[in-house]
C-alpha cells in the first residue's frame, strides 16, 4: 500500500492539473483569477511550517472547482507545493479519508517534511455545507420522476453560486485556514 507521501511524489502539481482540466475549467480559473489571499498572519505561518499538500480531486466536482483555486492561491502565496491525485484513478487513498462513509472530494492532506499527514480539510466549508443541505432539502424524493431534472438544475445553480459569490470564497479560505492552523 502506497503512503500519502508516495502519492504526492507521483502526482502532478495543482498548476498542471488545473491547466489540463476538461470540465469546469473556466469557472475554476474565474475563481483563481478573482480571489485575493487576505493579508494576515496565516500565510507567514504556513510559509514557515515546511509543509506540502496533497489534494484528492476530480475536475467534474463543483466543490473542487471552488476549493482548488483558493487552496492554490494560498499555497502560492506561502510558497507551499500542492500536488493532485485523482480520486477515481485509485480509490485506496480516498478510502482512507471518507466523509460520513462516502468518497467526498476534494480532500486536502497537509503533510510535514517527513511526509506524515498532520491535517485534513475538505470537502466543504461549514457555511457551504449548510447551503448545500438546504438546497438538497428542497429536492423531491429520489423516487420522484422529477428528481433527476431538479437535481441537475440544483447543481447547476450551486456551481453558479460558487463561482459568483466571493463570500463563499472567504468561507473556504477561513475554514481551510482554521484546519491548518490547528495542525501548525
N, C-alpha and C. Protein backbone atom coordinates (compact mmCIF):
# COMPACT_ATOMS: atom_id res chain seq x y z
N UNK A 1 0.85 -1.18 0.00
CA UNK A 1 0.00 0.00 0.00
C UNK A 1 0.90 1.24 0.00
N UNK A 2 0.58 2.16 -0.92
CA UNK A 2 1.36 3.39 -1.03
C UNK A 2 1.05 4.34 0.12
N UNK A 3 2.06 5.07 0.52
CA UNK A 3 1.86 6.10 1.54
C UNK A 3 1.35 7.37 0.87
N UNK A 4 0.85 8.28 1.68
CA UNK A 4 0.41 9.57 1.16
C UNK A 4 1.57 10.30 0.51
N UNK A 5 2.76 10.17 1.09
CA UNK A 5 3.94 10.82 0.52
C UNK A 5 4.27 10.24 -0.85
N UNK A 6 4.11 8.94 -1.02
CA UNK A 6 4.36 8.33 -2.34
C UNK A 6 3.35 8.85 -3.36
N UNK A 7 2.08 8.96 -2.96
CA UNK A 7 1.09 9.54 -3.88
C UNK A 7 1.52 10.95 -4.26
N UNK A 8 1.94 11.72 -3.27
CA UNK A 8 2.38 13.09 -3.51
C UNK A 8 3.52 13.13 -4.53
N UNK A 9 4.52 12.31 -4.31
CA UNK A 9 5.71 12.31 -5.17
C UNK A 9 5.39 11.91 -6.61
N UNK A 10 4.35 11.10 -6.80
CA UNK A 10 3.98 10.61 -8.13
C UNK A 10 2.96 11.49 -8.84
N UNK A 11 2.50 12.54 -8.20
CA UNK A 11 1.37 13.31 -8.71
C UNK A 11 1.78 14.65 -9.31
N UNK A 12 0.96 15.15 -10.26
CA UNK A 12 1.24 16.46 -10.86
C UNK A 12 0.92 17.60 -9.91
N UNK A 13 1.50 18.74 -10.17
CA UNK A 13 1.21 19.94 -9.38
C UNK A 13 -0.23 20.37 -9.64
N UNK A 14 -0.74 21.18 -8.74
CA UNK A 14 -2.09 21.71 -8.93
C UNK A 14 -2.14 22.64 -10.14
N UNK A 15 -1.02 23.30 -10.44
CA UNK A 15 -0.97 24.16 -11.62
C UNK A 15 -1.17 23.31 -12.89
N UNK A 16 -0.45 22.19 -12.99
CA UNK A 16 -0.58 21.31 -14.16
C UNK A 16 -1.98 20.70 -14.21
N UNK A 17 -2.49 20.29 -13.07
CA UNK A 17 -3.83 19.72 -13.01
C UNK A 17 -4.87 20.71 -13.55
N UNK A 18 -4.80 21.96 -13.06
CA UNK A 18 -5.79 22.95 -13.49
C UNK A 18 -5.66 23.27 -14.98
N UNK A 19 -4.45 23.34 -15.48
CA UNK A 19 -4.25 23.60 -16.92
C UNK A 19 -4.85 22.49 -17.78
N UNK A 20 -4.86 21.27 -17.27
CA UNK A 20 -5.33 20.12 -18.04
C UNK A 20 -6.77 19.73 -17.74
N UNK A 21 -7.48 20.56 -16.99
CA UNK A 21 -8.88 20.25 -16.69
C UNK A 21 -9.70 20.20 -17.98
N UNK A 22 -10.66 19.29 -18.00
CA UNK A 22 -11.56 19.20 -19.16
C UNK A 22 -12.99 19.61 -18.79
N UNK A 23 -13.26 19.75 -17.49
CA UNK A 23 -14.58 20.15 -17.03
C UNK A 23 -14.44 21.26 -15.99
N UNK A 24 -15.34 22.20 -15.98
CA UNK A 24 -15.40 23.29 -15.01
C UNK A 24 -14.12 24.13 -14.95
N UNK A 25 -13.34 24.09 -16.00
CA UNK A 25 -12.07 24.81 -16.04
C UNK A 25 -12.27 26.33 -16.02
N UNK A 26 -13.18 26.83 -16.85
CA UNK A 26 -13.40 28.27 -16.91
C UNK A 26 -13.85 28.82 -15.55
N UNK A 27 -14.78 28.11 -14.91
CA UNK A 27 -15.27 28.54 -13.61
C UNK A 27 -14.15 28.52 -12.57
N UNK A 28 -13.35 27.47 -12.61
CA UNK A 28 -12.25 27.34 -11.66
C UNK A 28 -11.23 28.46 -11.84
N UNK A 29 -10.90 28.77 -13.08
CA UNK A 29 -9.94 29.85 -13.33
C UNK A 29 -10.55 31.23 -13.04
N UNK A 30 -11.86 31.36 -13.19
CA UNK A 30 -12.52 32.61 -12.80
C UNK A 30 -12.28 32.87 -11.31
N UNK A 31 -12.50 31.85 -10.50
CA UNK A 31 -12.28 31.99 -9.06
C UNK A 31 -10.80 32.26 -8.78
N UNK A 32 -9.93 31.52 -9.44
CA UNK A 32 -8.49 31.70 -9.24
C UNK A 32 -8.07 33.14 -9.57
N UNK A 33 -8.56 33.65 -10.69
CA UNK A 33 -8.19 35.00 -11.12
C UNK A 33 -8.76 36.09 -10.23
N UNK A 34 -9.92 35.84 -9.62
CA UNK A 34 -10.59 36.88 -8.83
C UNK A 34 -10.28 36.84 -7.33
N UNK A 35 -9.94 35.67 -6.81
CA UNK A 35 -9.73 35.55 -5.37
C UNK A 35 -8.41 36.19 -4.96
N UNK A 36 -8.48 37.02 -3.92
CA UNK A 36 -7.27 37.64 -3.37
C UNK A 36 -7.04 37.09 -1.98
N UNK A 37 -5.85 36.55 -1.78
CA UNK A 37 -5.50 35.99 -0.47
C UNK A 37 -5.46 37.13 0.55
N UNK A 38 -6.18 36.99 1.66
CA UNK A 38 -6.15 38.03 2.69
C UNK A 38 -4.73 38.24 3.22
N UNK A 39 -4.47 39.47 3.59
CA UNK A 39 -3.17 39.80 4.16
C UNK A 39 -3.27 39.58 5.68
N UNK A 40 -2.93 38.38 6.11
CA UNK A 40 -2.97 38.08 7.54
C UNK A 40 -1.78 37.18 7.89
N UNK A 41 -1.69 36.84 9.16
CA UNK A 41 -0.54 36.07 9.65
C UNK A 41 -0.51 34.64 9.15
N UNK A 42 -1.62 34.13 8.65
CA UNK A 42 -1.70 32.74 8.24
C UNK A 42 -0.67 32.39 7.15
N UNK A 43 -0.52 33.24 6.17
CA UNK A 43 0.40 32.94 5.08
C UNK A 43 1.83 32.81 5.62
N UNK A 44 2.22 33.69 6.52
CA UNK A 44 3.57 33.60 7.10
C UNK A 44 3.72 32.33 7.94
N UNK A 45 2.68 31.96 8.67
CA UNK A 45 2.71 30.72 9.46
C UNK A 45 2.87 29.52 8.55
N UNK A 46 2.11 29.51 7.47
CA UNK A 46 2.17 28.40 6.53
C UNK A 46 3.53 28.33 5.85
N UNK A 47 4.05 29.48 5.48
CA UNK A 47 5.36 29.56 4.83
C UNK A 47 6.46 29.00 5.74
N UNK A 48 6.38 29.29 7.02
CA UNK A 48 7.40 28.86 7.97
C UNK A 48 7.26 27.39 8.38
N UNK A 49 6.16 26.77 8.06
CA UNK A 49 5.85 25.43 8.58
C UNK A 49 6.57 24.29 7.85
N UNK A 50 7.11 24.53 6.67
CA UNK A 50 7.79 23.48 5.90
C UNK A 50 6.86 22.28 5.65
N UNK A 51 5.73 22.58 5.02
CA UNK A 51 4.73 21.56 4.73
C UNK A 51 4.47 21.50 3.22
N UNK A 52 3.74 20.48 2.81
CA UNK A 52 3.26 20.37 1.44
C UNK A 52 1.87 19.74 1.50
N UNK A 53 1.14 19.86 0.39
CA UNK A 53 -0.28 19.47 0.38
C UNK A 53 -0.56 18.52 -0.77
N UNK A 54 -1.33 17.49 -0.46
CA UNK A 54 -1.83 16.57 -1.48
C UNK A 54 -3.34 16.76 -1.55
N UNK A 55 -3.84 17.09 -2.74
CA UNK A 55 -5.27 17.27 -2.97
C UNK A 55 -5.82 16.04 -3.68
N UNK A 56 -6.88 15.47 -3.13
CA UNK A 56 -7.61 14.38 -3.79
C UNK A 56 -8.80 15.05 -4.45
N UNK A 57 -8.88 14.95 -5.78
CA UNK A 57 -9.82 15.78 -6.52
C UNK A 57 -10.29 15.09 -7.80
N UNK A 58 -11.18 15.73 -8.50
CA UNK A 58 -11.63 15.38 -9.86
C UNK A 58 -12.15 16.67 -10.48
N UNK A 59 -11.98 16.83 -11.79
CA UNK A 59 -12.36 18.12 -12.39
C UNK A 59 -13.85 18.27 -12.68
N UNK A 60 -14.64 17.23 -12.48
CA UNK A 60 -16.09 17.34 -12.63
C UNK A 60 -16.77 17.82 -11.35
N UNK A 61 -16.03 17.90 -10.27
CA UNK A 61 -16.60 18.18 -8.95
C UNK A 61 -16.74 19.68 -8.70
N UNK A 62 -17.94 20.12 -8.39
CA UNK A 62 -18.18 21.53 -8.11
C UNK A 62 -17.44 22.05 -6.89
N UNK A 63 -17.32 21.23 -5.86
CA UNK A 63 -16.58 21.66 -4.67
C UNK A 63 -15.09 21.81 -5.00
N UNK A 64 -14.55 20.93 -5.83
CA UNK A 64 -13.15 21.06 -6.27
C UNK A 64 -12.99 22.31 -7.13
N UNK A 65 -13.97 22.58 -7.97
CA UNK A 65 -13.94 23.78 -8.81
C UNK A 65 -13.78 25.04 -7.95
N UNK A 66 -14.42 25.04 -6.78
CA UNK A 66 -14.36 26.17 -5.86
C UNK A 66 -13.10 26.14 -4.99
N UNK A 67 -12.81 25.02 -4.39
CA UNK A 67 -11.75 24.93 -3.39
C UNK A 67 -10.34 24.93 -3.99
N UNK A 68 -10.16 24.22 -5.10
CA UNK A 68 -8.80 24.09 -5.65
C UNK A 68 -8.15 25.45 -5.97
N UNK A 69 -8.84 26.36 -6.63
CA UNK A 69 -8.18 27.63 -6.92
C UNK A 69 -7.85 28.44 -5.66
N UNK A 70 -8.67 28.32 -4.64
CA UNK A 70 -8.41 29.06 -3.41
C UNK A 70 -7.22 28.46 -2.67
N UNK A 71 -7.20 27.14 -2.54
CA UNK A 71 -6.06 26.48 -1.89
C UNK A 71 -4.79 26.74 -2.70
N UNK A 72 -4.90 26.72 -4.03
CA UNK A 72 -3.74 27.01 -4.87
C UNK A 72 -3.19 28.41 -4.60
N UNK A 73 -4.08 29.42 -4.57
CA UNK A 73 -3.63 30.79 -4.33
C UNK A 73 -2.96 30.92 -2.96
N UNK A 74 -3.54 30.30 -1.95
CA UNK A 74 -2.95 30.32 -0.61
C UNK A 74 -1.57 29.68 -0.64
N UNK A 75 -1.49 28.52 -1.25
CA UNK A 75 -0.22 27.80 -1.32
C UNK A 75 0.84 28.59 -2.08
N UNK A 76 0.44 29.22 -3.18
CA UNK A 76 1.39 30.02 -3.94
C UNK A 76 1.89 31.20 -3.10
N UNK A 77 0.99 31.83 -2.35
CA UNK A 77 1.39 32.96 -1.50
C UNK A 77 2.36 32.53 -0.41
N UNK A 78 2.22 31.29 0.05
CA UNK A 78 3.07 30.77 1.13
C UNK A 78 4.24 29.93 0.62
N UNK A 79 4.36 29.82 -0.70
CA UNK A 79 5.42 29.01 -1.31
C UNK A 79 5.35 27.55 -0.85
N UNK A 80 4.14 27.01 -0.85
CA UNK A 80 3.89 25.62 -0.47
C UNK A 80 3.44 24.88 -1.73
N UNK A 81 4.04 23.73 -1.98
CA UNK A 81 3.65 22.98 -3.17
C UNK A 81 2.41 22.13 -2.90
N UNK A 82 1.50 22.17 -3.87
CA UNK A 82 0.30 21.34 -3.84
C UNK A 82 0.36 20.42 -5.04
N UNK A 83 0.13 19.16 -4.79
CA UNK A 83 0.03 18.18 -5.87
C UNK A 83 -1.33 17.53 -5.80
N UNK A 84 -1.75 16.98 -6.94
CA UNK A 84 -3.12 16.46 -7.04
C UNK A 84 -3.13 15.00 -7.47
N UNK A 85 -4.02 14.26 -6.86
CA UNK A 85 -4.26 12.88 -7.23
C UNK A 85 -5.75 12.75 -7.54
N UNK A 86 -6.07 12.02 -8.59
CA UNK A 86 -7.47 11.84 -8.97
C UNK A 86 -8.12 10.77 -8.12
N UNK A 87 -9.23 11.12 -7.52
CA UNK A 87 -9.94 10.20 -6.63
C UNK A 87 -10.26 8.88 -7.30
N UNK A 88 -10.76 8.94 -8.54
CA UNK A 88 -11.27 7.74 -9.19
C UNK A 88 -10.19 6.86 -9.81
N UNK A 89 -8.96 7.38 -9.91
CA UNK A 89 -7.87 6.60 -10.52
C UNK A 89 -7.37 5.51 -9.59
N UNK A 90 -7.48 5.73 -8.29
CA UNK A 90 -7.00 4.77 -7.30
C UNK A 90 -7.76 5.06 -6.01
N UNK A 91 -8.79 4.29 -5.73
CA UNK A 91 -9.67 4.60 -4.60
C UNK A 91 -9.06 4.22 -3.25
N UNK A 92 -7.91 3.58 -3.26
CA UNK A 92 -7.27 3.22 -1.99
C UNK A 92 -7.02 4.46 -1.13
N UNK A 93 -6.54 5.53 -1.74
CA UNK A 93 -6.22 6.74 -0.98
C UNK A 93 -7.49 7.39 -0.42
N UNK A 94 -8.49 7.63 -1.25
CA UNK A 94 -9.71 8.29 -0.76
C UNK A 94 -10.40 7.44 0.30
N UNK A 95 -10.28 6.13 0.19
CA UNK A 95 -10.93 5.27 1.17
C UNK A 95 -10.31 5.40 2.57
N UNK A 96 -9.17 6.02 2.67
CA UNK A 96 -8.56 6.31 3.98
C UNK A 96 -9.15 7.60 4.58
N UNK A 97 -9.83 8.38 3.75
CA UNK A 97 -10.31 9.71 4.18
C UNK A 97 -11.78 9.92 3.81
N UNK A 98 -12.61 8.96 4.15
CA UNK A 98 -14.03 9.05 3.85
C UNK A 98 -14.70 10.14 4.67
N UNK A 99 -15.73 10.73 4.10
CA UNK A 99 -16.54 11.74 4.78
C UNK A 99 -17.92 11.14 4.97
N UNK A 100 -18.30 10.90 6.22
CA UNK A 100 -19.60 10.27 6.52
C UNK A 100 -19.78 8.99 5.72
N UNK A 101 -18.69 8.22 5.56
CA UNK A 101 -18.74 6.94 4.86
C UNK A 101 -18.67 7.05 3.35
N UNK A 102 -18.56 8.27 2.81
CA UNK A 102 -18.54 8.44 1.36
C UNK A 102 -17.22 9.01 0.85
N UNK A 103 -17.01 8.89 -0.42
CA UNK A 103 -15.79 9.35 -1.07
C UNK A 103 -15.90 10.80 -1.52
N UNK A 104 -16.31 11.66 -0.62
CA UNK A 104 -16.49 13.08 -0.93
C UNK A 104 -15.14 13.75 -1.21
N UNK A 105 -15.16 14.62 -2.19
CA UNK A 105 -13.95 15.36 -2.56
C UNK A 105 -14.32 16.82 -2.75
N UNK A 106 -13.32 17.67 -2.74
CA UNK A 106 -11.90 17.42 -2.59
C UNK A 106 -11.51 17.25 -1.13
N UNK A 107 -10.42 16.54 -0.93
CA UNK A 107 -9.80 16.38 0.38
C UNK A 107 -8.37 16.88 0.24
N UNK A 108 -7.95 17.68 1.19
CA UNK A 108 -6.59 18.23 1.20
C UNK A 108 -5.84 17.67 2.40
N UNK A 109 -4.70 17.06 2.13
CA UNK A 109 -3.87 16.48 3.18
C UNK A 109 -2.63 17.34 3.35
N UNK A 110 -2.49 17.93 4.51
CA UNK A 110 -1.32 18.73 4.84
C UNK A 110 -0.28 17.79 5.44
N UNK A 111 0.91 17.78 4.85
CA UNK A 111 1.95 16.86 5.29
C UNK A 111 3.20 17.61 5.74
N UNK A 112 3.85 17.09 6.75
CA UNK A 112 5.09 17.70 7.21
C UNK A 112 6.26 17.22 6.34
N UNK A 113 7.45 17.69 6.68
CA UNK A 113 8.63 17.38 5.85
C UNK A 113 8.94 15.88 5.82
N UNK A 114 8.44 15.12 6.80
CA UNK A 114 8.66 13.67 6.81
C UNK A 114 7.59 12.92 6.00
N UNK A 115 6.59 13.65 5.52
CA UNK A 115 5.53 13.02 4.75
C UNK A 115 4.37 12.52 5.59
N UNK A 116 4.37 12.87 6.88
CA UNK A 116 3.26 12.48 7.75
C UNK A 116 2.10 13.45 7.57
N UNK A 117 0.89 12.92 7.50
CA UNK A 117 -0.29 13.77 7.40
C UNK A 117 -0.55 14.39 8.77
N UNK A 118 -0.54 15.72 8.81
CA UNK A 118 -0.75 16.42 10.08
C UNK A 118 -2.11 17.14 10.13
N UNK A 119 -2.76 17.25 8.98
CA UNK A 119 -4.10 17.86 8.94
C UNK A 119 -4.82 17.40 7.68
N UNK A 120 -6.15 17.38 7.79
CA UNK A 120 -7.01 17.05 6.64
C UNK A 120 -8.09 18.12 6.60
N UNK A 121 -8.40 18.59 5.39
CA UNK A 121 -9.50 19.54 5.24
C UNK A 121 -10.29 19.17 3.99
N UNK A 122 -11.58 19.39 4.06
CA UNK A 122 -12.46 19.16 2.92
C UNK A 122 -13.59 18.25 3.34
N UNK A 123 -14.56 18.11 2.52
CA UNK A 123 -14.70 18.65 1.18
C UNK A 123 -15.29 20.06 1.09
N UNK A 124 -15.90 20.58 2.20
CA UNK A 124 -16.53 21.90 2.13
C UNK A 124 -16.39 22.65 3.43
N UNK A 125 -16.44 23.96 3.31
CA UNK A 125 -16.54 24.83 4.48
C UNK A 125 -17.93 24.63 5.10
N UNK A 126 -18.07 24.78 6.42
CA UNK A 126 -19.37 24.56 7.07
C UNK A 126 -20.50 25.40 6.50
N UNK A 127 -20.23 26.65 6.15
CA UNK A 127 -21.28 27.51 5.59
C UNK A 127 -21.77 26.98 4.24
N UNK A 128 -20.88 26.42 3.46
CA UNK A 128 -21.25 25.85 2.18
C UNK A 128 -22.00 24.54 2.37
N UNK A 129 -21.60 23.77 3.37
CA UNK A 129 -22.32 22.53 3.68
C UNK A 129 -23.77 22.86 4.02
N UNK A 130 -23.98 23.90 4.81
CA UNK A 130 -25.34 24.30 5.16
C UNK A 130 -26.11 24.73 3.92
N UNK A 131 -25.48 25.52 3.05
CA UNK A 131 -26.12 25.97 1.81
C UNK A 131 -26.52 24.78 0.95
N UNK A 132 -25.64 23.80 0.82
CA UNK A 132 -25.92 22.60 0.01
C UNK A 132 -27.05 21.80 0.65
N UNK A 133 -26.99 21.60 1.96
CA UNK A 133 -28.01 20.79 2.62
C UNK A 133 -29.39 21.45 2.52
N UNK A 134 -29.45 22.77 2.64
CA UNK A 134 -30.73 23.47 2.49
C UNK A 134 -31.26 23.32 1.07
N UNK A 135 -30.38 23.39 0.08
CA UNK A 135 -30.80 23.20 -1.30
C UNK A 135 -31.27 21.79 -1.59
N UNK A 136 -30.54 20.82 -1.07
CA UNK A 136 -30.94 19.41 -1.27
C UNK A 136 -32.26 19.10 -0.60
N UNK A 137 -32.54 19.76 0.52
CA UNK A 137 -33.79 19.52 1.24
C UNK A 137 -35.01 19.94 0.41
N UNK A 138 -34.80 20.81 -0.55
CA UNK A 138 -35.89 21.27 -1.40
C UNK A 138 -36.17 20.31 -2.58
N UNK A 139 -35.27 19.35 -2.79
CA UNK A 139 -35.44 18.42 -3.91
C UNK A 139 -36.51 17.38 -3.58
N UNK A 140 -37.19 16.88 -4.61
CA UNK A 140 -38.16 15.80 -4.36
C UNK A 140 -37.43 14.51 -3.98
N UNK A 141 -38.18 13.53 -3.51
CA UNK A 141 -37.60 12.22 -3.19
C UNK A 141 -36.92 11.64 -4.42
N UNK A 142 -35.90 10.81 -4.18
CA UNK A 142 -35.16 10.21 -5.30
C UNK A 142 -36.06 9.36 -6.21
N UNK A 143 -37.13 8.84 -5.66
CA UNK A 143 -38.05 8.01 -6.45
C UNK A 143 -38.97 8.86 -7.34
N UNK A 144 -39.07 10.12 -7.04
CA UNK A 144 -39.93 11.04 -7.79
C UNK A 144 -39.37 11.19 -9.21
N UNK A 145 -40.24 11.12 -10.23
CA UNK A 145 -39.77 11.26 -11.63
C UNK A 145 -39.07 12.60 -11.89
N UNK A 146 -39.38 13.62 -11.11
CA UNK A 146 -38.78 14.94 -11.32
C UNK A 146 -37.42 15.08 -10.63
N UNK A 147 -37.02 14.09 -9.83
CA UNK A 147 -35.79 14.22 -9.05
C UNK A 147 -34.57 14.48 -9.92
N UNK A 148 -34.38 13.71 -10.97
CA UNK A 148 -33.16 13.85 -11.77
C UNK A 148 -33.05 15.24 -12.40
N UNK A 149 -34.14 15.71 -12.98
CA UNK A 149 -34.12 17.03 -13.62
C UNK A 149 -33.91 18.14 -12.59
N UNK A 150 -34.61 18.07 -11.47
CA UNK A 150 -34.47 19.10 -10.44
C UNK A 150 -33.10 19.04 -9.78
N UNK A 151 -32.55 17.85 -9.65
CA UNK A 151 -31.22 17.70 -9.08
C UNK A 151 -30.17 18.34 -9.99
N UNK A 152 -30.27 18.10 -11.28
CA UNK A 152 -29.34 18.73 -12.24
C UNK A 152 -29.44 20.25 -12.18
N UNK A 153 -30.66 20.76 -12.10
CA UNK A 153 -30.86 22.21 -12.02
C UNK A 153 -30.26 22.77 -10.73
N UNK A 154 -30.42 22.03 -9.63
CA UNK A 154 -29.86 22.47 -8.36
C UNK A 154 -28.33 22.55 -8.44
N UNK A 155 -27.68 21.53 -8.99
CA UNK A 155 -26.22 21.53 -9.05
C UNK A 155 -25.69 22.59 -10.01
N UNK A 156 -26.45 22.89 -11.05
CA UNK A 156 -26.06 23.99 -11.94
C UNK A 156 -26.13 25.32 -11.18
N UNK A 157 -27.19 25.52 -10.43
CA UNK A 157 -27.36 26.73 -9.62
C UNK A 157 -26.26 26.81 -8.55
N UNK A 158 -25.93 25.67 -7.97
CA UNK A 158 -24.89 25.61 -6.95
C UNK A 158 -23.53 26.03 -7.53
N UNK A 159 -23.18 25.50 -8.69
CA UNK A 159 -21.90 25.87 -9.33
C UNK A 159 -21.87 27.37 -9.63
N UNK A 160 -23.00 27.91 -10.08
CA UNK A 160 -23.06 29.35 -10.35
C UNK A 160 -22.85 30.16 -9.07
N UNK A 161 -23.48 29.74 -7.99
CA UNK A 161 -23.30 30.43 -6.71
C UNK A 161 -21.85 30.33 -6.25
N UNK A 162 -21.24 29.17 -6.40
CA UNK A 162 -19.84 29.00 -6.03
C UNK A 162 -18.94 29.95 -6.84
N UNK A 163 -19.27 30.12 -8.10
CA UNK A 163 -18.46 30.94 -9.00
C UNK A 163 -18.67 32.44 -8.75
N UNK A 164 -19.89 32.82 -8.41
CA UNK A 164 -20.26 34.23 -8.37
C UNK A 164 -20.27 34.88 -6.99
N UNK A 165 -20.10 34.12 -5.93
CA UNK A 165 -20.23 34.69 -4.58
C UNK A 165 -18.88 34.72 -3.86
N UNK A 166 -18.20 35.84 -3.88
CA UNK A 166 -16.93 35.95 -3.16
C UNK A 166 -17.03 35.60 -1.67
N UNK A 167 -18.20 35.78 -1.07
CA UNK A 167 -18.35 35.40 0.34
C UNK A 167 -18.11 33.91 0.53
N UNK A 168 -18.50 33.10 -0.45
CA UNK A 168 -18.23 31.67 -0.37
C UNK A 168 -16.73 31.40 -0.44
N UNK A 169 -16.02 32.18 -1.24
CA UNK A 169 -14.57 32.02 -1.35
C UNK A 169 -13.92 32.30 0.00
N UNK A 170 -14.42 33.33 0.68
CA UNK A 170 -13.91 33.67 2.00
C UNK A 170 -14.22 32.55 3.00
N UNK A 171 -15.41 31.96 2.89
CA UNK A 171 -15.75 30.83 3.76
C UNK A 171 -14.75 29.68 3.58
N UNK A 172 -14.39 29.39 2.34
CA UNK A 172 -13.42 28.33 2.06
C UNK A 172 -12.07 28.69 2.67
N UNK A 173 -11.61 29.90 2.43
CA UNK A 173 -10.33 30.34 2.97
C UNK A 173 -10.32 30.22 4.50
N UNK A 174 -11.35 30.74 5.15
CA UNK A 174 -11.39 30.74 6.61
C UNK A 174 -11.42 29.32 7.18
N UNK A 175 -12.18 28.44 6.56
CA UNK A 175 -12.28 27.07 7.05
C UNK A 175 -10.96 26.31 6.85
N UNK A 176 -10.36 26.49 5.67
CA UNK A 176 -9.06 25.86 5.39
C UNK A 176 -8.02 26.39 6.38
N UNK A 177 -7.99 27.69 6.56
CA UNK A 177 -7.05 28.33 7.48
C UNK A 177 -7.19 27.76 8.88
N UNK A 178 -8.41 27.65 9.35
CA UNK A 178 -8.66 27.14 10.70
C UNK A 178 -8.13 25.71 10.85
N UNK A 179 -8.40 24.85 9.88
CA UNK A 179 -7.94 23.45 9.96
C UNK A 179 -6.41 23.37 9.96
N UNK A 180 -5.79 24.17 9.11
CA UNK A 180 -4.33 24.14 9.01
C UNK A 180 -3.68 24.73 10.26
N UNK A 181 -4.21 25.85 10.74
CA UNK A 181 -3.62 26.47 11.93
C UNK A 181 -3.69 25.56 13.14
N UNK A 182 -4.73 24.76 13.25
CA UNK A 182 -4.83 23.81 14.37
C UNK A 182 -3.69 22.79 14.33
N UNK A 183 -3.21 22.47 13.13
CA UNK A 183 -2.14 21.48 12.99
C UNK A 183 -0.76 22.08 13.15
N UNK A 184 -0.64 23.39 12.91
CA UNK A 184 0.69 24.00 12.96
C UNK A 184 1.10 24.32 14.34
